[in-house]
Amino acid sequence: MAKEELNRPPSYILLIVYKFFAGFIELTTGILFGIFGQQFRTIYQSFQLAHLREDSSLYVRTIEHAIPFLLDHRSFVIAYFLTLGLGTIIGAVGLWYEKVWAIHMMIVLSAILVPFEFIDFVRRPTIFLFAYMLFNISIIVYLARFNPHVSRVLRKHKKIHPHDSQTDNI
């Protein structure tokens, strides 16, 4: 078994590291927003006053639209980041241990975000949003049995638990 673990392709390891890091950022954001949420309002108000004196950049305009939404929907945002972050971390750990449920979990978590990313891209088309949307779609495609390593994990699981699958084409 130890020899099989060393045979993970670099793309699979990179996916795990990316998902773990993304989950950590999401979880940390949810925790920090829960702890310091009211202080963000004060920071935003002083940010707004400073913004009135300067010419706005894309970054300033993005923050200007995002912060009020986040503050108005604070409980939802905290629950979203905590749930998504924890789910992504658990899924990344499951991918490392080559669990089939983790493959399905990562596909679902990535697929849930694609419609929102598409709508965001249509409303504000930028090369960054387009690339990010394509990157998440490529993760879904990568995990949806088009990758030889994922296929090997699925076959390995099928051999270990033959009673879990009734058909050979799943």
Protein backbone atom coordinates (compact mmCIF):
# COMPACT_ATOMS: atom_id res chain seq x y z
CA MET A 1 0.00 0.00 0.00
CA ALA A 2 2.85 2.41 0.77
CA LYS A 3 4.20 1.90 -2.75
CA GLU A 4 0.79 2.83 -4.24
CA GLU A 5 0.69 6.06 -2.24
CA LEU A 6 4.01 7.10 -3.79
CA ASN A 7 2.56 6.65 -7.27
CA ARG A 8 0.24 9.64 -7.05
CA PRO A 9 0.76 11.83 -10.11
CA PRO A 10 1.91 15.42 -9.50
CA SER A 11 -1.40 16.79 -10.87
CA TYR A 12 -3.32 14.79 -8.25
CA ILE A 13 -1.05 16.03 -5.45
CA LEU A 14 -1.35 19.61 -6.74
CA LEU A 15 -5.15 19.29 -6.72
CA ILE A 16 -5.08 18.06 -3.11
CA VAL A 17 -2.78 20.90 -2.02
CA TYR A 18 -4.93 23.47 -3.86
CA LYS A 19 -8.18 22.17 -2.35
CA PHE A 20 -6.68 21.96 1.15
CA PHE A 21 -5.31 25.52 0.89
CA ALA A 22 -8.61 26.83 -0.53
CA GLY A 23 -10.55 25.11 2.26
CA PHE A 24 -8.20 26.57 4.87
CA ILE A 25 -8.67 30.09 3.45
CA GLU A 26 -12.48 29.66 3.38
CA LEU A 27 -12.58 28.30 6.93
CA THR A 28 -10.28 31.05 8.21
CA THR A 29 -12.38 33.70 6.46
CA GLY A 30 -15.55 32.37 8.11
CA ILE A 31 -13.94 32.32 11.55
CA LEU A 32 -12.42 35.79 11.20
CA PHE A 33 -15.64 37.22 9.83
CA GLY A 34 -17.50 35.72 12.79
CA ILE A 35 -15.06 37.15 15.30
CA PHE A 36 -14.35 40.55 13.72
CA GLY A 37 -17.53 41.12 11.69
CA GLN A 38 -18.57 44.33 13.42
CA GLN A 39 -15.05 45.76 13.16
CA PHE A 40 -15.22 45.24 9.39
CA ARG A 41 -18.10 47.74 9.31
CA THR A 42 -15.94 50.41 10.96
CA ILE A 43 -13.02 49.66 8.64
CA TYR A 44 -15.34 49.81 5.65
CA GLN A 45 -16.78 53.17 6.68
CA SER A 46 -13.31 54.70 6.97
CA PHE A 47 -12.40 53.00 3.67
CA GLN A 48 -15.43 54.63 2.05
CA LEU A 49 -14.40 58.08 3.27
CA ALA A 50 -10.87 57.61 1.94
CA HIS A 51 -12.27 56.35 -1.35
CA LEU A 52 -14.27 59.54 -1.87
CA ARG A 53 -11.01 61.50 -1.95
CA GLU A 54 -9.30 59.31 -4.55
CA ASP A 55 -9.84 58.00 -8.05
CA SER A 56 -11.24 54.49 -7.73
CA SER A 57 -9.49 51.43 -9.11
CA LEU A 58 -11.00 48.06 -9.99
CA TYR A 59 -9.93 46.76 -6.58
CA VAL A 60 -11.66 49.64 -4.76
CA ARG A 61 -14.86 49.24 -6.79
CA THR A 62 -14.90 45.48 -6.09
CA ILE A 63 -14.44 45.99 -2.36
CA GLU A 64 -17.01 48.77 -2.43
CA HIS A 65 -19.66 46.38 -3.75
CA ALA A 66 -18.65 43.29 -1.77
CA ILE A 67 -18.35 44.65 1.77
CA PRO A 68 -21.93 45.94 2.19
CA PHE A 69 -23.29 42.63 0.91
CA LEU A 70 -21.09 40.68 3.32
CA LEU A 71 -22.10 42.87 6.25
CA ASP A 72 -25.82 42.68 5.44
CA HIS A 73 -25.72 38.88 5.14
CA ARG A 74 -23.15 38.20 7.85
CA SER A 75 -24.71 35.03 9.31
CA PHE A 76 -25.18 33.49 5.86
CA VAL A 77 -21.62 34.36 4.83
CA ILE A 78 -20.15 32.88 8.02
CA ALA A 79 -22.16 29.66 7.63
CA TYR A 80 -21.20 29.45 3.94
CA PHE A 81 -17.47 29.90 4.51
CA LEU A 82 -17.35 27.57 7.52
CA THR A 83 -19.31 24.81 5.76
CA LEU A 84 -17.55 25.09 2.41
CA GLY A 85 -14.11 25.44 4.00
CA LEU A 86 -14.55 22.48 6.32
CA GLY A 87 -16.05 20.38 3.52
CA THR A 88 -13.18 21.22 1.19
CA ILE A 89 -10.55 20.36 3.83
CA ILE A 90 -12.27 17.06 4.63
CA GLY A 91 -12.51 16.31 0.90
CA ALA A 92 -8.82 17.10 0.35
CA VAL A 93 -7.82 14.77 3.20
CA GLY A 94 -10.11 12.10 1.73
CA LEU A 95 -8.46 12.55 -1.68
CA TRP A 96 -5.05 12.05 -0.09
CA TYR A 97 -6.23 8.76 1.41
CA GLU A 98 -7.83 7.88 -1.94
CA LYS A 99 -11.41 7.62 -0.69
CA VAL A 100 -14.12 7.40 -3.32
CA TRP A 101 -16.51 9.57 -1.29
CA ALA A 102 -13.90 12.34 -1.40
CA ILE A 103 -13.80 12.23 -5.20
CA HIS A 104 -17.59 12.59 -5.33
CA MET A 105 -17.55 15.27 -2.63
CA MET A 106 -15.00 17.37 -4.52
CA ILE A 107 -16.99 17.02 -7.74
CA VAL A 108 -20.17 18.19 -5.99
CA LEU A 109 -18.46 21.06 -4.13
CA SER A 110 -16.82 22.27 -7.34
CA ALA A 111 -19.99 21.83 -9.42
CA ILE A 112 -22.13 23.79 -6.94
CA LEU A 113 -19.97 26.87 -7.51
CA VAL A 114 -19.88 26.80 -11.32
CA PRO A 115 -23.34 28.38 -11.93
CA PHE A 116 -22.47 31.25 -9.57
CA GLU A 117 -19.10 31.71 -11.25
CA PHE A 118 -20.80 31.73 -14.68
CA ILE A 119 -23.36 34.34 -13.60
CA ASP A 120 -20.58 36.45 -12.08
CA PHE A 121 -18.61 36.17 -15.33
CA VAL A 122 -21.63 37.16 -17.45
CA ARG A 123 -22.31 40.19 -15.24
CA ARG A 124 -18.67 41.31 -15.07
CA PRO A 125 -16.61 39.58 -17.78
CA THR A 126 -12.92 39.61 -16.96
CA ILE A 127 -10.14 37.29 -17.97
CA PHE A 128 -9.58 36.39 -14.30
CA LEU A 129 -13.21 35.31 -13.76
CA PHE A 130 -13.15 33.35 -17.02
CA ALA A 131 -9.89 31.60 -16.08
CA TYR A 132 -11.14 30.84 -12.57
CA MET A 133 -14.38 29.37 -13.94
CA LEU A 134 -12.46 27.23 -16.44
CA PHE A 135 -10.09 26.09 -13.69
CA ASN A 136 -12.98 24.87 -11.53
CA ILE A 137 -14.61 23.15 -14.49
CA SER A 138 -11.29 21.46 -15.25
CA ILE A 139 -11.18 20.16 -11.66
CA ILE A 140 -14.62 18.62 -12.16
CA VAL A 141 -13.54 17.07 -15.45
CA TYR A 142 -10.28 15.87 -13.87
CA LEU A 143 -12.12 14.11 -11.06
CA ALA A 144 -14.96 12.73 -13.19
CA ARG A 145 -13.00 9.61 -14.20
CA PHE A 146 -11.11 11.23 -17.02
CA ASN A 147 -7.91 10.96 -15.01
CA PRO A 148 -6.10 7.60 -14.89
CA HIS A 149 -5.23 7.96 -11.19
CA VAL A 150 -8.84 8.65 -10.20
CA SER A 151 -9.93 5.68 -12.32
CA ARG A 152 -7.38 3.51 -10.52
CA VAL A 153 -8.71 4.67 -7.14
CA LEU A 154 -12.25 3.81 -8.22
CA ARG A 155 -11.16 0.37 -9.49
CA LYS A 156 -9.20 -0.26 -6.29
CA HIS A 157 -12.23 0.61 -4.19
CA LYS A 158 -14.40 -1.67 -6.31
CA LYS A 159 -12.00 -4.59 -5.70
CA ILE A 160 -11.93 -3.95 -1.95
CA HIS A 161 -15.71 -3.53 -1.65
CA PRO A 162 -17.32 -5.59 -4.46
CA HIS A 163 -20.70 -5.62 -2.71
CA ASP A 164 -20.94 -1.80 -2.84
CA SER A 165 -21.31 -1.75 -6.63
CA GLN A 166 -23.82 -3.77 -8.57
CA THR A 167 -22.67 -2.81 -12.06
CA ASP A 168 -19.26 -2.61 -13.70
CA ASN A 169 -19.91 0.65 -15.52
CA ILE A 170 -20.15 2.89 -12.45
